[in-house]
Protein backbone atom coordinates (compact mmCIF):
# COMPACT_ATOMS: atom_id res chain seq x y z
CA MET A 1 -7.67 1.73 16.98
CA LYS A 2 -9.98 -1.24 16.60
CA LYS A 3 -10.27 -3.29 13.44
CA ASN A 4 -13.83 -2.10 12.86
CA ASP A 5 -12.81 1.56 13.06
CA VAL A 6 -11.74 1.49 9.39
CA THR A 7 -14.59 0.93 6.95
CA ASP A 8 -14.47 0.90 3.16
CA SER A 9 -15.66 4.51 3.08
CA GLN A 10 -12.93 5.50 5.56
CA ALA A 11 -10.20 3.31 4.08
CA ILE A 12 -7.94 6.28 3.31
CA PRO A 13 -8.73 8.89 5.98
CA ALA A 14 -7.74 12.49 5.18
CA LEU A 15 -5.60 11.31 2.28
CA GLY A 16 -6.75 14.11 0.01
CA MET A 17 -5.73 16.78 2.49
CA ARG A 18 -2.35 15.12 3.04
CA LEU A 19 -1.72 14.84 -0.71
CA ARG A 20 -2.57 18.51 -1.22
CA HIS A 21 -0.38 19.56 1.71
CA ALA A 22 2.57 17.48 0.46
CA ARG A 23 2.16 18.89 -3.08
CA LEU A 24 2.02 22.47 -1.83
CA ALA A 25 5.02 21.87 0.44
CA GLN A 26 6.95 20.77 -2.67
CA GLU A 27 5.67 23.93 -4.45
CA ILE A 28 4.42 22.01 -7.49
CA THR A 29 1.18 22.39 -9.41
CA LEU A 30 -1.40 19.72 -10.14
CA LYS A 31 -0.15 19.68 -13.74
CA GLN A 32 3.48 19.17 -12.69
CA LEU A 33 2.54 16.34 -10.31
CA ALA A 34 0.31 14.71 -12.94
CA LEU A 35 3.28 14.65 -15.36
CA LYS A 36 5.53 13.12 -12.68
CA VAL A 37 3.15 10.28 -11.82
CA GLY A 38 1.62 9.71 -15.25
CA CYS A 39 -2.03 10.57 -14.67
CA SER A 40 -4.48 13.36 -15.42
CA GLU A 41 -4.87 16.59 -13.45
CA SER A 42 -8.53 15.67 -13.12
CA LEU A 43 -7.68 12.44 -11.29
CA LEU A 44 -5.30 14.27 -8.94
CA SER A 45 -8.00 16.83 -8.19
CA LYS A 46 -10.43 14.02 -7.36
CA LEU A 47 -7.83 12.39 -5.10
CA GLU A 48 -7.11 15.67 -3.29
CA ASN A 49 -10.84 16.18 -2.75
CA ASP A 50 -11.38 12.58 -1.56
CA VAL A 51 -13.75 11.89 -4.46
CA ALA A 52 -11.58 9.01 -5.75
CA SER A 53 -9.16 6.55 -4.14
CA PRO A 54 -5.79 5.70 -5.70
CA SER A 55 -4.53 2.19 -6.40
CA LEU A 56 -1.51 0.98 -4.42
CA ALA A 57 0.76 1.60 -7.42
CA MET A 58 -0.58 5.15 -7.92
CA LEU A 59 -0.23 5.90 -4.22
CA HIS A 60 3.36 4.69 -4.36
CA ARG A 61 4.11 6.92 -7.38
CA LEU A 62 2.52 9.89 -5.60
CA ALA A 63 4.53 9.27 -2.43
CA ASN A 64 7.77 9.09 -4.44
CA ALA A 65 6.97 12.23 -6.42
CA LEU A 66 6.09 14.09 -3.21
CA GLU A 67 9.25 12.86 -1.43
CA THR A 68 7.36 11.05 1.31
CA ASN A 69 6.04 7.53 1.87
CA ILE A 70 2.64 5.89 1.89
CA SER A 71 2.73 5.37 5.64
CA ASP A 72 3.09 9.11 6.29
CA LEU A 73 0.32 9.94 3.81
CA MET A 74 -2.15 7.50 5.34
CA ALA A 75 -1.46 7.41 9.08
CA LYS A 76 -4.29 8.84 11.16
CA THR A 77 -1.91 9.59 14.02
CA TRP A 78 1.48 8.43 15.16
CA ALA A 79 1.13 5.48 17.51
CA ALA A 80 1.88 5.41 21.19
CA ASP A 81 5.05 3.72 22.40
CA ALA A 82 3.31 0.38 23.08
CA PRO A 83 5.35 -2.41 21.44
CA VAL A 84 2.32 -4.71 21.03
CA LEU A 85 -0.60 -4.59 18.58
CA LYS A 86 -3.25 -7.08 19.69
CA SER A 87 -5.17 -9.21 17.22
CA GLY A 88 -8.37 -7.43 16.18
CA GLN A 89 -6.93 -4.02 17.14
CA ARG A 90 -4.48 -3.56 14.29
CA PRO A 91 -5.28 -0.79 11.79
CA ARG A 92 -6.25 -1.83 8.26
CA LYS A 93 -6.09 0.09 4.99
CA ARG A 94 -8.34 -1.04 2.15
CA PHE A 95 -7.71 -0.39 -1.53
CA VAL A 96 -10.72 -1.09 -3.74
CA HIS A 97 -9.92 -2.45 -7.18
CA ARG A 98 -10.94 -0.36 -10.18
CA ASN A 99 -13.86 -2.67 -11.01
CA LYS A 100 -15.15 -2.31 -7.40
CA LYS A 101 -15.54 -6.12 -7.22
CA GLY A 102 -12.66 -6.78 -4.88
CA GLY A 103 -9.57 -5.31 -3.42
CA ILE A 104 -6.46 -5.51 -1.33
CA GLU A 105 -6.35 -4.80 2.37
CA LEU A 106 -3.20 -4.14 4.40
CA GLU A 107 -3.28 -5.05 8.09
CA ASN A 108 -0.50 -3.21 9.94
CA LEU A 109 1.73 -5.39 12.11
CA THR A 110 3.96 -2.52 13.21
CA SER A 111 2.96 0.77 14.78
CA PRO A 112 3.75 3.82 12.64
CA HIS A 113 6.51 5.92 14.19
CA LYS A 114 8.48 8.69 12.55
CA GLY A 115 11.83 7.34 11.49
CA ASN A 116 10.89 3.62 11.47
CA LEU A 117 13.26 1.50 9.40
CA LEU A 118 11.14 -1.66 9.29
CA GLN A 119 7.49 -2.22 8.47
CA GLY A 120 5.31 -5.32 8.46
CA ASN A 121 1.83 -5.87 7.02
CA ILE A 122 -0.45 -8.73 6.15
CA HIS A 123 -1.57 -8.27 2.55
CA ILE A 124 -5.11 -9.64 2.23
CA ILE A 125 -5.81 -10.15 -1.47
CA GLU A 126 -9.21 -11.16 -2.80
CA PRO A 127 -9.41 -13.82 -5.55
CA GLY A 128 -8.37 -12.60 -9.01
CA ILE A 129 -7.14 -9.25 -7.70
CA ALA A 130 -3.68 -7.95 -8.60
CA SER A 131 -1.52 -5.03 -7.62
CA ASP A 132 -1.81 -2.25 -10.18
CA GLY A 133 1.34 -2.92 -12.17
CA GLN A 134 4.84 -3.29 -10.79
CA ILE A 135 6.51 -0.81 -8.48
CA GLU A 136 10.15 -0.29 -7.58
CA HIS A 137 11.83 1.71 -4.85
CA HIS A 138 14.76 1.69 -2.44
CA GLY A 139 15.04 -1.08 0.17
CA GLU A 140 14.51 -4.79 0.74
CA GLU A 141 11.41 -6.96 1.08
CA MET A 142 10.59 -10.41 2.34
CA GLY A 143 7.36 -12.30 2.73
CA TYR A 144 5.66 -15.51 3.74
CA VAL A 145 2.40 -16.79 2.24
CA LEU A 146 0.05 -17.52 5.13
CA GLU A 147 -2.99 -18.62 3.09
CA GLY A 148 -3.96 -19.08 -0.54
CA GLU A 149 -1.97 -18.80 -3.76
CA ILE A 150 -0.30 -15.85 -5.46
CA ALA A 151 1.79 -15.12 -8.50
CA LEU A 152 4.75 -12.93 -7.51
CA TYR A 153 6.08 -10.81 -10.38
CA LEU A 154 9.75 -9.83 -10.13
CA GLY A 155 10.83 -8.00 -13.26
CA GLU A 156 10.29 -10.42 -16.16
CA GLU A 157 9.97 -13.46 -13.89
CA THR A 158 6.79 -14.92 -12.38
CA TRP A 159 6.87 -17.16 -9.32
CA SER A 160 3.88 -19.28 -8.21
CA LEU A 161 3.63 -19.34 -4.42
CA SER A 162 1.27 -21.06 -2.00
CA ALA A 163 0.86 -21.30 1.78
CA GLY A 164 4.21 -21.94 3.44
CA ASP A 165 6.33 -20.43 0.65
CA SER A 166 8.55 -17.43 1.34
CA PHE A 167 10.40 -14.85 -0.75
CA TYR A 168 13.02 -12.10 -0.57
CA PHE A 169 14.10 -9.48 -3.11
CA PRO A 170 15.70 -6.02 -3.26
CA SER A 171 12.96 -3.42 -3.71
CA ASN A 172 14.58 -1.87 -6.78
CA VAL A 173 13.45 -4.96 -8.74
CA PRO A 174 10.05 -4.09 -10.29
CA HIS A 175 7.51 -6.14 -8.33
CA GLY A 176 3.83 -6.90 -8.05
CA TYR A 177 1.45 -9.78 -7.37
CA ARG A 178 -1.88 -11.42 -8.19
CA ASN A 179 -4.13 -13.77 -6.23
CA THR A 180 -4.30 -16.76 -8.58
CA GLY A 181 -6.47 -18.92 -6.33
CA ASP A 182 -10.18 -19.26 -5.60
CA CYS A 183 -9.98 -17.97 -2.02
CA VAL A 184 -8.53 -14.96 -0.22
CA ALA A 185 -4.72 -14.98 -0.06
CA LYS A 186 -2.86 -13.63 2.97
CA VAL A 187 0.80 -12.74 2.78
CA LEU A 188 2.99 -11.59 5.67
CA TRP A 189 5.05 -8.83 4.01
CA VAL A 190 8.01 -7.04 5.61
CA ASN A 191 9.91 -4.20 4.00
CA THR A 192 12.62 -1.77 4.92
CA PRO A 193 12.58 1.18 4.90
CA VAL A 194 8.93 1.96 5.63
CA THR A 195 6.95 2.11 2.38
CA PHE A 196 3.26 1.65 3.18
């Protein structure tokens, strides 16, 4: 898949259908799922009908509630066995911020395969944009700031990071981030098991 194959309007291909399928496979209603993830039935209906796009935090809560992961919900297809993803050919997933004035894009560094234990992405964060709250889950994460400046939130602590800084934390620590600079921030982010 080429970089240009994913546009803003196609940022989350077939997500609605996959959400509905996962919900029905779990035999839960829209109301039950809404209670689990802390949102309205109306929003879930819009997500299942591809009328709205979830934030990263909401997508994570949905994946947990549906006993799956974001990677499975969003993958167009499972990749071939090629071990290399060339520059400009890596898939990207774009999450538009609620105010529609910026967003976060994830550039996949690893091919999605069923059963993967490790996943790498480049988080491309526009100025002033933050993850939607803090998330927590099973696993470990590490990262390296390639460009720009971010605030990394780990529980009650905030760390200011800039290009060249790295981090590691267990994923059960509530975590999130914000681009605190005036330019796009890029962070190499690796987590295990596969989350996004």
